[in-house]
Amino acid sequence: MRAWLERARTPRPAPFPESRACLSDPDSRLIPGKRNSYLQGYNIQIVCARRQFLLAIEAHGNPSDRTALVPMVKKTQHNHQVALLPGDIQLWLADRRYASAAASFEALADLPLLVSVTSNADQSGFPTKHQQAPAGQQDMAARLATPTGRAQHRQRSALVEPGFAQAFQRFGRHLNYRGRQAVDAEIKLLGTVHNLNKLIKHTPRKHS
């Protein structure tokens, strides 16, 4: 039971027994794909503001997203400060894949954070079968159970999912460089191009 609990807390994709390390890029990892498949590559994480403007883009070292929450928040805060952006980030939203141990929530307890701890549809208030929150995550579930929490969490998919889609459409899904350092530089360059495109094409709203 202890071994099962540890696997549940820190999930790792189970590669096929005949799999071997990637000799051309040892820094890459087996990333879970669709239909129980695996891809050799990198787990790319992004943080999006409104209109899919990127506040952070990183190559995460773990194939699972569960350990990415705190590092991505800290990186975003750093970028926000370095860029001299005014004010504080008003709300942080994440889906179920980022709900790991309660320690992550405790480390970010001072932030307005909403992370789905059951299904995204359930915690956003859409009609679906209600699920019980895991042990240690009831406080987060209670935040999302309010009408305000549900309405706020519904904004998540409209912020980040189009960000990935736009990046994939513009740059594809394949990287040109190998090695963690080179990949990190490449994705940050792509993220910069993405943001510049947003700024150039941005049209201020006209207020009547």
N, C-alpha and C. Protein backbone atom coordinates (compact mmCIF):
# COMPACT_ATOMS: atom_id res chain seq x y z
N MET A 1 0.82 -1.20 0.00
CA MET A 1 0.00 0.00 0.00
C MET A 1 0.87 1.26 0.00
N ARG A 2 1.99 1.22 0.73
CA ARG A 2 2.88 2.37 0.75
C ARG A 2 3.49 2.62 -0.63
N ALA A 3 3.87 1.55 -1.31
CA ALA A 3 4.44 1.69 -2.65
C ALA A 3 3.39 2.24 -3.61
N TRP A 4 2.16 1.75 -3.50
CA TRP A 4 1.08 2.24 -4.36
C TRP A 4 0.81 3.71 -4.10
N LEU A 5 0.81 4.12 -2.81
CA LEU A 5 0.56 5.51 -2.45
C LEU A 5 1.66 6.41 -2.99
N GLU A 6 2.92 5.96 -2.93
CA GLU A 6 4.04 6.75 -3.43
C GLU A 6 3.94 6.92 -4.94
N ARG A 7 3.53 5.86 -5.66
CA ARG A 7 3.36 5.98 -7.11
C ARG A 7 2.24 6.95 -7.46
N ALA A 8 1.18 6.97 -6.63
CA ALA A 8 0.06 7.88 -6.88
C ALA A 8 0.46 9.33 -6.64
N ARG A 9 1.33 9.55 -5.65
CA ARG A 9 1.77 10.91 -5.34
C ARG A 9 2.75 11.44 -6.37
N THR A 10 3.62 10.60 -6.87
CA THR A 10 4.63 11.01 -7.86
C THR A 10 4.56 10.08 -9.06
N PRO A 11 3.53 10.24 -9.88
CA PRO A 11 3.35 9.35 -11.03
C PRO A 11 4.47 9.51 -12.05
N ARG A 12 4.88 8.41 -12.59
CA ARG A 12 5.89 8.40 -13.65
C ARG A 12 5.42 7.47 -14.76
N PRO A 13 5.57 7.88 -16.01
CA PRO A 13 5.17 6.98 -17.10
C PRO A 13 6.02 5.72 -17.09
N ALA A 14 5.38 4.60 -17.28
CA ALA A 14 6.10 3.32 -17.28
C ALA A 14 6.49 2.96 -18.70
N PRO A 15 7.76 3.11 -19.08
CA PRO A 15 8.18 2.79 -20.45
C PRO A 15 8.13 1.30 -20.72
N PHE A 16 8.15 0.96 -21.98
CA PHE A 16 8.16 -0.45 -22.33
C PHE A 16 9.47 -1.09 -21.89
N PRO A 17 9.46 -2.38 -21.52
CA PRO A 17 10.68 -3.03 -21.02
C PRO A 17 11.83 -2.98 -22.00
N GLU A 18 11.53 -2.98 -23.31
CA GLU A 18 12.60 -2.98 -24.30
C GLU A 18 13.11 -1.57 -24.64
N SER A 19 12.55 -0.54 -24.00
CA SER A 19 12.97 0.82 -24.31
C SER A 19 14.38 1.09 -23.81
N ARG A 20 15.06 2.02 -24.46
CA ARG A 20 16.41 2.40 -24.10
C ARG A 20 16.53 3.92 -24.03
N ALA A 21 17.59 4.40 -23.41
CA ALA A 21 17.81 5.84 -23.35
C ALA A 21 18.03 6.39 -24.75
N CYS A 22 17.64 7.63 -24.97
CA CYS A 22 17.84 8.27 -26.26
C CYS A 22 19.28 8.73 -26.34
N LEU A 23 20.09 8.08 -27.18
CA LEU A 23 21.51 8.38 -27.26
C LEU A 23 21.78 9.73 -27.92
N SER A 24 20.87 10.19 -28.78
CA SER A 24 21.08 11.47 -29.46
C SER A 24 20.69 12.66 -28.60
N ASP A 25 19.88 12.43 -27.57
CA ASP A 25 19.48 13.51 -26.66
C ASP A 25 19.16 12.91 -25.29
N PRO A 26 20.18 12.64 -24.49
CA PRO A 26 19.97 12.02 -23.17
C PRO A 26 19.12 12.86 -22.22
N ASP A 27 19.03 14.17 -22.46
CA ASP A 27 18.22 15.03 -21.58
C ASP A 27 16.73 14.87 -21.81
N SER A 28 16.34 14.32 -22.95
CA SER A 28 14.92 14.17 -23.25
C SER A 28 14.32 13.04 -22.40
N ARG A 29 13.00 13.01 -22.36
CA ARG A 29 12.29 12.03 -21.54
C ARG A 29 11.16 11.38 -22.34
N LEU A 30 10.70 10.23 -21.86
CA LEU A 30 9.52 9.61 -22.44
C LEU A 30 8.29 10.33 -21.91
N ILE A 31 7.59 10.99 -22.81
CA ILE A 31 6.42 11.78 -22.46
C ILE A 31 5.16 11.02 -22.84
N PRO A 32 4.20 10.87 -21.93
CA PRO A 32 2.95 10.18 -22.29
C PRO A 32 2.24 10.88 -23.44
N GLY A 33 1.87 10.12 -24.45
CA GLY A 33 1.13 10.67 -25.58
C GLY A 33 -0.31 10.20 -25.55
N LYS A 34 -0.96 10.29 -26.68
CA LYS A 34 -2.35 9.87 -26.77
C LYS A 34 -2.44 8.36 -26.98
N ARG A 35 -3.54 7.80 -26.54
CA ARG A 35 -3.84 6.37 -26.74
C ARG A 35 -2.75 5.49 -26.15
N ASN A 36 -2.32 5.81 -24.93
CA ASN A 36 -1.35 5.00 -24.19
C ASN A 36 0.00 4.88 -24.90
N SER A 37 0.35 5.89 -25.69
CA SER A 37 1.63 5.88 -26.37
C SER A 37 2.62 6.78 -25.64
N TYR A 38 3.89 6.75 -26.09
CA TYR A 38 4.92 7.60 -25.50
C TYR A 38 5.70 8.30 -26.61
N LEU A 39 6.14 9.51 -26.30
CA LEU A 39 6.95 10.30 -27.22
C LEU A 39 8.27 10.65 -26.55
N GLN A 40 9.34 10.62 -27.31
CA GLN A 40 10.65 11.02 -26.78
C GLN A 40 10.78 12.52 -26.96
N GLY A 41 10.82 13.26 -25.87
CA GLY A 41 10.89 14.70 -26.01
C GLY A 41 10.94 15.42 -24.68
N TYR A 42 10.24 16.55 -24.62
CA TYR A 42 10.27 17.41 -23.45
C TYR A 42 8.85 17.80 -23.05
N ASN A 43 8.66 17.99 -21.76
CA ASN A 43 7.38 18.45 -21.23
C ASN A 43 7.43 19.98 -21.17
N ILE A 44 6.79 20.63 -22.12
CA ILE A 44 6.82 22.09 -22.21
C ILE A 44 5.66 22.67 -21.40
N GLN A 45 5.97 23.61 -20.53
CA GLN A 45 4.99 24.26 -19.68
C GLN A 45 4.88 25.73 -20.08
N ILE A 46 3.65 26.25 -20.09
CA ILE A 46 3.45 27.68 -20.36
C ILE A 46 2.51 28.27 -19.31
N VAL A 47 2.66 29.55 -19.07
CA VAL A 47 1.72 30.32 -18.24
C VAL A 47 1.20 31.44 -19.11
N CYS A 48 -0.12 31.50 -19.27
CA CYS A 48 -0.73 32.48 -20.17
C CYS A 48 -1.52 33.52 -19.39
N ALA A 49 -1.43 34.76 -19.86
CA ALA A 49 -2.32 35.81 -19.40
C ALA A 49 -3.46 35.94 -20.41
N ARG A 50 -4.19 37.01 -20.35
CA ARG A 50 -5.28 37.21 -21.30
C ARG A 50 -4.75 37.29 -22.72
N ARG A 51 -5.57 36.84 -23.66
CA ARG A 51 -5.23 36.80 -25.09
C ARG A 51 -4.00 35.95 -25.37
N GLN A 52 -3.74 34.98 -24.49
CA GLN A 52 -2.66 34.00 -24.65
C GLN A 52 -1.28 34.65 -24.69
N PHE A 53 -1.11 35.78 -24.02
CA PHE A 53 0.22 36.37 -23.89
C PHE A 53 1.00 35.54 -22.88
N LEU A 54 2.19 35.09 -23.24
CA LEU A 54 2.96 34.18 -22.39
C LEU A 54 3.72 34.94 -21.31
N LEU A 55 3.51 34.52 -20.07
CA LEU A 55 4.27 35.06 -18.95
C LEU A 55 5.46 34.17 -18.60
N ALA A 56 5.41 32.92 -19.02
CA ALA A 56 6.52 31.99 -18.78
C ALA A 56 6.39 30.82 -19.73
N ILE A 57 7.53 30.29 -20.15
CA ILE A 57 7.58 29.06 -20.93
C ILE A 57 8.84 28.32 -20.53
N GLU A 58 8.68 27.06 -20.14
CA GLU A 58 9.79 26.29 -19.58
C GLU A 58 9.73 24.84 -20.06
N ALA A 59 10.90 24.21 -20.14
CA ALA A 59 10.99 22.76 -20.37
C ALA A 59 11.04 22.10 -19.01
N HIS A 60 9.96 21.44 -18.63
CA HIS A 60 9.87 20.81 -17.31
C HIS A 60 10.57 19.46 -17.32
N GLY A 61 11.37 19.19 -16.30
CA GLY A 61 12.18 17.97 -16.29
C GLY A 61 11.42 16.70 -16.00
N ASN A 62 10.21 16.78 -15.48
CA ASN A 62 9.42 15.61 -15.14
C ASN A 62 8.33 15.41 -16.20
N PRO A 63 8.16 14.20 -16.73
CA PRO A 63 7.08 13.97 -17.71
C PRO A 63 5.70 14.28 -17.13
N SER A 64 5.54 14.18 -15.82
CA SER A 64 4.28 14.50 -15.18
C SER A 64 4.21 15.99 -14.87
N ASP A 65 2.99 16.56 -14.92
CA ASP A 65 2.81 17.98 -14.61
C ASP A 65 2.71 18.25 -13.11
N ARG A 66 2.60 17.21 -12.31
CA ARG A 66 2.26 17.38 -10.89
C ARG A 66 3.31 18.13 -10.10
N THR A 67 4.55 18.09 -10.53
CA THR A 67 5.60 18.81 -9.80
C THR A 67 5.92 20.16 -10.43
N ALA A 68 5.13 20.58 -11.41
CA ALA A 68 5.43 21.81 -12.15
C ALA A 68 4.77 23.05 -11.56
N LEU A 69 3.79 22.88 -10.69
CA LEU A 69 3.00 24.02 -10.23
C LEU A 69 3.86 25.08 -9.55
N VAL A 70 4.57 24.70 -8.51
CA VAL A 70 5.36 25.68 -7.75
C VAL A 70 6.47 26.29 -8.60
N PRO A 71 7.28 25.49 -9.33
CA PRO A 71 8.33 26.09 -10.17
C PRO A 71 7.79 27.08 -11.21
N MET A 72 6.64 26.76 -11.83
CA MET A 72 6.10 27.65 -12.85
C MET A 72 5.56 28.94 -12.24
N VAL A 73 4.97 28.84 -11.06
CA VAL A 73 4.51 30.06 -10.37
C VAL A 73 5.69 30.94 -10.02
N LYS A 74 6.74 30.34 -9.47
CA LYS A 74 7.92 31.12 -9.08
C LYS A 74 8.59 31.75 -10.31
N LYS A 75 8.67 31.02 -11.41
CA LYS A 75 9.27 31.56 -12.63
C LYS A 75 8.43 32.70 -13.18
N THR A 76 7.12 32.57 -13.14
CA THR A 76 6.24 33.62 -13.62
C THR A 76 6.38 34.88 -12.77
N GLN A 77 6.45 34.70 -11.47
CA GLN A 77 6.64 35.85 -10.58
C GLN A 77 7.97 36.56 -10.88
N HIS A 78 9.01 35.77 -11.15
CA HIS A 78 10.31 36.35 -11.50
C HIS A 78 10.22 37.15 -12.79
N ASN A 79 9.61 36.57 -13.83
CA ASN A 79 9.48 37.26 -15.11
C ASN A 79 8.63 38.53 -14.96
N HIS A 80 7.58 38.43 -14.17
CA HIS A 80 6.70 39.57 -13.94
C HIS A 80 7.47 40.72 -13.30
N GLN A 81 8.33 40.39 -12.36
CA GLN A 81 9.11 41.41 -11.67
C GLN A 81 10.19 42.00 -12.58
N VAL A 82 10.91 41.14 -13.31
CA VAL A 82 11.98 41.60 -14.19
C VAL A 82 11.43 42.49 -15.31
N ALA A 83 10.24 42.15 -15.82
CA ALA A 83 9.63 42.91 -16.90
C ALA A 83 9.00 44.22 -16.41
N LEU A 84 9.02 44.44 -15.09
CA LEU A 84 8.46 45.65 -14.49
C LEU A 84 6.99 45.83 -14.84
N LEU A 85 6.26 44.71 -14.87
CA LEU A 85 4.82 44.79 -15.14
C LEU A 85 4.11 45.36 -13.92
N PRO A 86 3.15 46.24 -14.11
CA PRO A 86 2.49 46.88 -12.97
C PRO A 86 1.55 45.93 -12.24
N GLY A 87 1.39 46.17 -10.94
CA GLY A 87 0.43 45.41 -10.14
C GLY A 87 0.84 43.97 -9.91
N ASP A 88 -0.03 43.23 -9.24
CA ASP A 88 0.19 41.82 -8.96
C ASP A 88 -0.74 40.98 -9.82
N ILE A 89 -0.38 39.73 -10.03
CA ILE A 89 -1.26 38.80 -10.75
C ILE A 89 -2.48 38.54 -9.88
N GLN A 90 -3.66 38.78 -10.42
CA GLN A 90 -4.88 38.75 -9.63
C GLN A 90 -5.40 37.35 -9.35
N LEU A 91 -5.10 36.39 -10.21
CA LEU A 91 -5.66 35.05 -10.05
C LEU A 91 -4.79 34.04 -10.78
N TRP A 92 -4.55 32.90 -10.12
CA TRP A 92 -3.78 31.79 -10.71
C TRP A 92 -4.72 30.61 -10.90
N LEU A 93 -4.74 30.05 -12.11
CA LEU A 93 -5.63 28.94 -12.43
C LEU A 93 -4.84 27.77 -12.99
N ALA A 94 -5.18 26.56 -12.57
CA ALA A 94 -4.52 25.35 -13.08
C ALA A 94 -5.51 24.20 -13.08
N ASP A 95 -5.26 23.22 -13.94
CA ASP A 95 -6.19 22.09 -14.02
C ASP A 95 -5.74 20.96 -13.10
N ARG A 96 -6.44 19.84 -13.21
CA ARG A 96 -6.25 18.72 -12.28
C ARG A 96 -4.85 18.14 -12.34
N ARG A 97 -4.19 18.23 -13.48
CA ARG A 97 -2.87 17.62 -13.63
C ARG A 97 -1.83 18.24 -12.71
N TYR A 98 -2.10 19.44 -12.18
CA TYR A 98 -1.15 20.14 -11.31
C TYR A 98 -1.48 19.98 -9.83
N ALA A 99 -2.52 19.23 -9.53
CA ALA A 99 -2.92 19.02 -8.13
C ALA A 99 -2.15 17.84 -7.56
N SER A 100 -1.01 18.12 -6.96
CA SER A 100 -0.20 17.05 -6.37
C SER A 100 -0.46 17.00 -4.88
N ALA A 101 0.57 16.87 -4.09
CA ALA A 101 0.41 16.82 -2.64
C ALA A 101 -0.04 18.18 -2.12
N ALA A 102 -0.65 18.18 -0.94
CA ALA A 102 -1.12 19.43 -0.35
C ALA A 102 0.03 20.39 -0.07
N ALA A 103 1.26 19.88 -0.01
CA ALA A 103 2.41 20.74 0.25
C ALA A 103 2.56 21.81 -0.82
N SER A 104 2.20 21.50 -2.07
CA SER A 104 2.27 22.50 -3.13
C SER A 104 1.32 23.66 -2.85
N PHE A 105 0.13 23.32 -2.39
CA PHE A 105 -0.84 24.36 -2.07
C PHE A 105 -0.37 25.18 -0.87
N GLU A 106 0.25 24.52 0.10
CA GLU A 106 0.76 25.23 1.27
C GLU A 106 1.86 26.20 0.89
N ALA A 107 2.72 25.81 -0.07
CA ALA A 107 3.81 26.68 -0.50
C ALA A 107 3.30 27.92 -1.22
N LEU A 108 2.08 27.84 -1.75
CA LEU A 108 1.50 28.96 -2.49
C LEU A 108 0.27 29.51 -1.79
N ALA A 109 0.20 29.32 -0.49
CA ALA A 109 -1.00 29.67 0.28
C ALA A 109 -1.29 31.16 0.26
N ASP A 110 -0.28 31.99 0.01
CA ASP A 110 -0.48 33.44 0.02
C ASP A 110 -0.99 33.97 -1.31
N LEU A 111 -1.20 33.09 -2.29
CA LEU A 111 -1.64 33.52 -3.62
C LEU A 111 -3.11 33.19 -3.85
N PRO A 112 -3.81 33.97 -4.69
CA PRO A 112 -5.17 33.64 -5.09
C PRO A 112 -5.14 32.50 -6.11
N LEU A 113 -5.09 31.28 -5.63
CA LEU A 113 -4.85 30.10 -6.47
C LEU A 113 -6.07 29.19 -6.50
N LEU A 114 -6.44 28.76 -7.71
CA LEU A 114 -7.52 27.79 -7.89
C LEU A 114 -7.01 26.66 -8.78
N VAL A 115 -6.92 25.46 -8.21
CA VAL A 115 -6.46 24.28 -8.93
C VAL A 115 -7.51 23.20 -8.80
N SER A 116 -7.99 22.69 -9.90
CA SER A 116 -8.98 21.62 -9.87
C SER A 116 -8.39 20.38 -9.21
N VAL A 117 -9.08 19.82 -8.22
CA VAL A 117 -8.58 18.64 -7.52
C VAL A 117 -9.42 17.40 -7.82
N THR A 118 -10.51 17.58 -8.56
CA THR A 118 -11.26 16.41 -9.06
C THR A 118 -11.24 16.52 -10.59
N SER A 119 -12.38 16.54 -11.24
CA SER A 119 -12.38 16.76 -12.68
C SER A 119 -12.56 18.24 -12.96
N ASN A 120 -11.99 18.70 -14.06
CA ASN A 120 -12.10 20.11 -14.40
C ASN A 120 -13.55 20.52 -14.62
N ALA A 121 -14.32 19.64 -15.25
CA ALA A 121 -15.73 19.95 -15.50
C ALA A 121 -16.51 20.05 -14.20
N ASP A 122 -16.25 19.13 -13.26
CA ASP A 122 -16.95 19.13 -11.98
C ASP A 122 -16.65 20.42 -11.22
N GLN A 123 -15.40 20.82 -11.15
CA GLN A 123 -15.03 21.96 -10.33
C GLN A 123 -15.32 23.29 -11.02
N SER A 124 -15.59 23.25 -12.32
CA SER A 124 -16.00 24.47 -13.01
C SER A 124 -17.51 24.65 -12.99
N GLY A 125 -18.22 23.68 -12.40
CA GLY A 125 -19.67 23.80 -12.25
C GLY A 125 -20.48 23.27 -13.41
N PHE A 126 -19.85 22.53 -14.34
CA PHE A 126 -20.61 21.96 -15.45
C PHE A 126 -21.32 20.69 -14.99
N PRO A 127 -22.45 20.35 -15.63
CA PRO A 127 -23.18 19.13 -15.24
C PRO A 127 -22.34 17.88 -15.44
N THR A 128 -22.00 17.22 -14.39
CA THR A 128 -21.20 16.01 -14.45
C THR A 128 -21.31 15.30 -13.11
N LYS A 129 -20.81 14.09 -13.03
CA LYS A 129 -20.85 13.33 -11.79
C LYS A 129 -19.90 13.95 -10.78
N HIS A 130 -20.42 14.25 -9.59
CA HIS A 130 -19.60 14.87 -8.56
C HIS A 130 -18.56 13.89 -8.04
N GLN A 131 -17.35 14.38 -7.82
CA GLN A 131 -16.27 13.54 -7.33
C GLN A 131 -15.77 14.07 -5.99
N GLN A 132 -15.31 13.15 -5.16
CA GLN A 132 -14.78 13.51 -3.85
C GLN A 132 -13.33 13.96 -3.98
N ALA A 133 -12.98 15.06 -3.32
CA ALA A 133 -11.61 15.56 -3.36
C ALA A 133 -10.69 14.63 -2.58
N PRO A 134 -9.46 14.41 -3.06
CA PRO A 134 -8.51 13.56 -2.33
C PRO A 134 -8.18 14.13 -0.96
N ALA A 135 -7.65 13.29 -0.10
CA ALA A 135 -7.27 13.72 1.23
C ALA A 135 -6.23 14.83 1.16
N GLY A 136 -6.39 15.85 1.98
CA GLY A 136 -5.46 16.96 2.02
C GLY A 136 -5.75 18.06 1.01
N GLN A 137 -6.80 17.88 0.19
CA GLN A 137 -7.10 18.87 -0.84
C GLN A 137 -8.52 19.43 -0.71
N GLN A 138 -9.12 19.19 0.47
CA GLN A 138 -10.50 19.64 0.68
C GLN A 138 -10.62 21.16 0.71
N ASP A 139 -9.59 21.84 1.23
CA ASP A 139 -9.65 23.30 1.28
C ASP A 139 -9.71 23.89 -0.13
N MET A 140 -8.89 23.34 -1.03
CA MET A 140 -8.92 23.82 -2.41
C MET A 140 -10.26 23.50 -3.05
N ALA A 141 -10.80 22.32 -2.77
CA ALA A 141 -12.10 21.95 -3.32
C ALA A 141 -13.19 22.89 -2.81
N ALA A 142 -13.07 23.32 -1.55
CA ALA A 142 -14.06 24.24 -0.99
C ALA A 142 -14.01 25.60 -1.68
N ARG A 143 -12.82 26.06 -2.05
CA ARG A 143 -12.70 27.33 -2.78
C ARG A 143 -13.42 27.24 -4.12
N LEU A 144 -13.27 26.09 -4.78
CA LEU A 144 -13.87 25.92 -6.09
C LEU A 144 -15.36 25.62 -6.02
N ALA A 145 -15.85 25.27 -4.85
CA ALA A 145 -17.27 24.91 -4.72
C ALA A 145 -18.17 26.14 -4.67
N THR A 146 -17.60 27.32 -4.50
CA THR A 146 -18.40 28.54 -4.44
C THR A 146 -18.74 29.00 -5.86
N PRO A 147 -19.83 29.74 -6.03
CA PRO A 147 -20.16 30.26 -7.37
C PRO A 147 -19.04 31.09 -7.97
N THR A 148 -18.37 31.90 -7.15
CA THR A 148 -17.26 32.72 -7.65
C THR A 148 -16.10 31.84 -8.10
N GLY A 149 -15.77 30.82 -7.28
CA GLY A 149 -14.68 29.92 -7.62
C GLY A 149 -14.93 29.18 -8.92
N ARG A 150 -16.15 28.71 -9.11
CA ARG A 150 -16.49 28.00 -10.35
C ARG A 150 -16.41 28.92 -11.56
N ALA A 151 -16.95 30.12 -11.41
CA ALA A 151 -16.92 31.07 -12.54
C ALA A 151 -15.49 31.44 -12.90
N GLN A 152 -14.65 31.62 -11.89
CA GLN A 152 -13.25 31.97 -12.16
C GLN A 152 -12.51 30.82 -12.82
N HIS A 153 -12.76 29.59 -12.36
CA HIS A 153 -12.02 28.45 -12.90
C HIS A 153 -12.42 28.15 -14.34
N ARG A 154 -13.61 28.55 -14.75
CA ARG A 154 -14.03 28.34 -16.13
C ARG A 154 -13.16 29.13 -17.11
N GLN A 155 -12.48 30.16 -16.63
CA GLN A 155 -11.65 30.97 -17.51
C GLN A 155 -10.36 30.25 -17.90
N ARG A 156 -9.98 29.21 -17.17
CA ARG A 156 -8.67 28.58 -17.38
C ARG A 156 -8.49 28.07 -18.80
N SER A 157 -9.44 27.28 -19.28
CA SER A 157 -9.28 26.66 -20.59
C SER A 157 -9.21 27.71 -21.71
N ALA A 158 -9.89 28.83 -21.55
CA ALA A 158 -9.87 29.87 -22.57
C ALA A 158 -8.56 30.65 -22.56
N LEU A 159 -7.79 30.53 -21.49
CA LEU A 159 -6.51 31.23 -21.40
C LEU A 159 -5.37 30.38 -21.95
N VAL A 160 -5.23 29.16 -21.44
CA VAL A 160 -4.01 28.39 -21.74
C VAL A 160 -4.15 27.45 -22.93
N GLU A 161 -5.30 26.83 -23.11
CA GLU A 161 -5.43 25.86 -24.20
C GLU A 161 -5.23 26.51 -25.58
N PRO A 162 -5.81 27.69 -25.85
CA PRO A 162 -5.52 28.32 -27.14
C PRO A 162 -4.05 28.73 -27.27
N GLY A 163 -3.39 28.99 -26.13
CA GLY A 163 -1.97 29.32 -26.18
C GLY A 163 -1.15 28.19 -26.76
N PHE A 164 -1.42 26.96 -26.30
CA PHE A 164 -0.74 25.79 -26.87
C PHE A 164 -1.11 25.62 -28.34
N ALA A 165 -2.39 25.75 -28.65
CA ALA A 165 -2.86 25.53 -30.02
C ALA A 165 -2.21 26.54 -30.98
N GLN A 166 -2.12 27.79 -30.56
CA GLN A 166 -1.52 28.81 -31.42
C GLN A 166 -0.03 28.54 -31.63
N ALA A 167 0.65 28.12 -30.56
CA ALA A 167 2.08 27.82 -30.67
C ALA A 167 2.31 26.62 -31.59
N PHE A 168 1.51 25.57 -31.44
CA PHE A 168 1.66 24.39 -32.28
C PHE A 168 1.37 24.73 -33.74
N GLN A 169 0.36 25.56 -33.98
CA GLN A 169 0.01 25.91 -35.36
C GLN A 169 1.12 26.75 -36.00
N ARG A 170 1.72 27.63 -35.23
CA ARG A 170 2.73 28.53 -35.78
C ARG A 170 4.10 27.87 -35.91
N PHE A 171 4.48 27.05 -34.91
CA PHE A 171 5.84 26.50 -34.87
C PHE A 171 5.90 24.98 -35.04
N GLY A 172 4.76 24.30 -35.03
CA GLY A 172 4.77 22.85 -35.11
C GLY A 172 5.06 22.22 -33.75
N ARG A 173 5.23 20.91 -33.75
CA ARG A 173 5.44 20.17 -32.51
C ARG A 173 6.85 19.61 -32.40
N HIS A 174 7.73 19.96 -33.30
CA HIS A 174 9.08 19.40 -33.30
C HIS A 174 10.10 20.51 -33.05
N LEU A 175 11.10 20.20 -32.22
CA LEU A 175 12.17 21.15 -31.93
C LEU A 175 13.36 20.88 -32.83
N ASN A 176 14.16 21.90 -33.05
CA ASN A 176 15.30 21.78 -33.95
C ASN A 176 16.60 21.43 -33.23
N TYR A 177 16.64 21.69 -31.93
CA TYR A 177 17.88 21.48 -31.17
C TYR A 177 17.70 20.37 -30.15
N ARG A 178 18.82 19.86 -29.68
CA ARG A 178 18.82 18.78 -28.69
C ARG A 178 19.62 19.20 -27.48
N GLY A 179 19.29 18.59 -26.35
CA GLY A 179 19.95 18.97 -25.10
C GLY A 179 19.12 19.99 -24.36
N ARG A 180 19.06 19.87 -23.04
CA ARG A 180 18.19 20.71 -22.22
C ARG A 180 18.48 22.21 -22.41
N GLN A 181 19.73 22.59 -22.41
CA GLN A 181 20.07 24.01 -22.52
C GLN A 181 19.65 24.58 -23.87
N ALA A 182 19.93 23.85 -24.95
CA ALA A 182 19.56 24.33 -26.29
C ALA A 182 18.05 24.36 -26.47
N VAL A 183 17.35 23.34 -25.95
CA VAL A 183 15.90 23.30 -26.04
C VAL A 183 15.28 24.45 -25.27
N ASP A 184 15.84 24.75 -24.09
CA ASP A 184 15.33 25.85 -23.28
C ASP A 184 15.47 27.17 -24.04
N ALA A 185 16.63 27.36 -24.69
CA ALA A 185 16.82 28.59 -25.48
C ALA A 185 15.86 28.65 -26.66
N GLU A 186 15.63 27.50 -27.32
CA GLU A 186 14.75 27.49 -28.49
C GLU A 186 13.31 27.82 -28.12
N ILE A 187 12.79 27.19 -27.05
CA ILE A 187 11.39 27.44 -26.71
C ILE A 187 11.19 28.86 -26.19
N LYS A 188 12.20 29.42 -25.55
CA LYS A 188 12.07 30.81 -25.10
C LYS A 188 12.09 31.77 -26.30
N LEU A 189 12.86 31.43 -27.33
CA LEU A 189 12.85 32.23 -28.55
C LEU A 189 11.49 32.14 -29.22
N LEU A 190 10.93 30.94 -29.29
CA LEU A 190 9.61 30.77 -29.88
C LEU A 190 8.56 31.52 -29.07
N GLY A 191 8.68 31.48 -27.74
CA GLY A 191 7.75 32.21 -26.89
C GLY A 191 7.85 33.71 -27.10
N THR A 192 9.06 34.20 -27.31
CA THR A 192 9.25 35.63 -27.57
C THR A 192 8.61 36.04 -28.90
N VAL A 193 8.78 35.20 -29.93
CA VAL A 193 8.15 35.47 -31.23
C VAL A 193 6.63 35.46 -31.08
N HIS A 194 6.12 34.52 -30.32
CA HIS A 194 4.68 34.44 -30.06
C HIS A 194 4.17 35.74 -29.44
N ASN A 195 4.88 36.23 -28.41
CA ASN A 195 4.45 37.45 -27.74
C ASN A 195 4.58 38.68 -28.64
N LEU A 196 5.65 38.76 -29.41
CA LEU A 196 5.82 39.88 -30.32
C LEU A 196 4.70 39.92 -31.36
N ASN A 197 4.31 38.75 -31.84
CA ASN A 197 3.20 38.67 -32.79
C ASN A 197 1.92 39.18 -32.16
N LYS A 198 1.71 38.85 -30.88
CA LYS A 198 0.53 39.34 -30.16
C LYS A 198 0.55 40.86 -30.05
N LEU A 199 1.72 41.41 -29.71
CA LEU A 199 1.83 42.85 -29.52
C LEU A 199 1.65 43.61 -30.83
N ILE A 200 2.24 43.08 -31.91
CA ILE A 200 2.15 43.76 -33.20
C ILE A 200 0.72 43.77 -33.73
N LYS A 201 0.00 42.65 -33.53
CA LYS A 201 -1.35 42.53 -34.08
C LYS A 201 -2.43 43.01 -33.11
N HIS A 202 -2.02 43.45 -31.93
CA HIS A 202 -3.03 43.85 -30.94
C HIS A 202 -3.72 45.14 -31.36
N THR A 203 -5.03 45.14 -31.29
CA THR A 203 -5.83 46.33 -31.60
C THR A 203 -6.58 46.75 -30.34
N PRO A 204 -6.30 47.92 -29.81
CA PRO A 204 -7.01 48.36 -28.59
C PRO A 204 -8.50 48.40 -28.81
N ARG A 205 -9.23 48.02 -27.78
CA ARG A 205 -10.70 48.07 -27.87
C ARG A 205 -11.19 49.51 -27.84
N LYS A 206 -12.18 49.78 -28.66
CA LYS A 206 -12.78 51.10 -28.69
C LYS A 206 -13.95 51.15 -27.69
N HIS A 207 -13.91 52.12 -26.82
CA HIS A 207 -14.97 52.29 -25.83
C HIS A 207 -15.95 53.36 -26.31
N SER A 208 -17.21 52.97 -26.36
CA SER A 208 -18.24 53.91 -26.83
C SER A 208 -18.76 54.73 -25.68
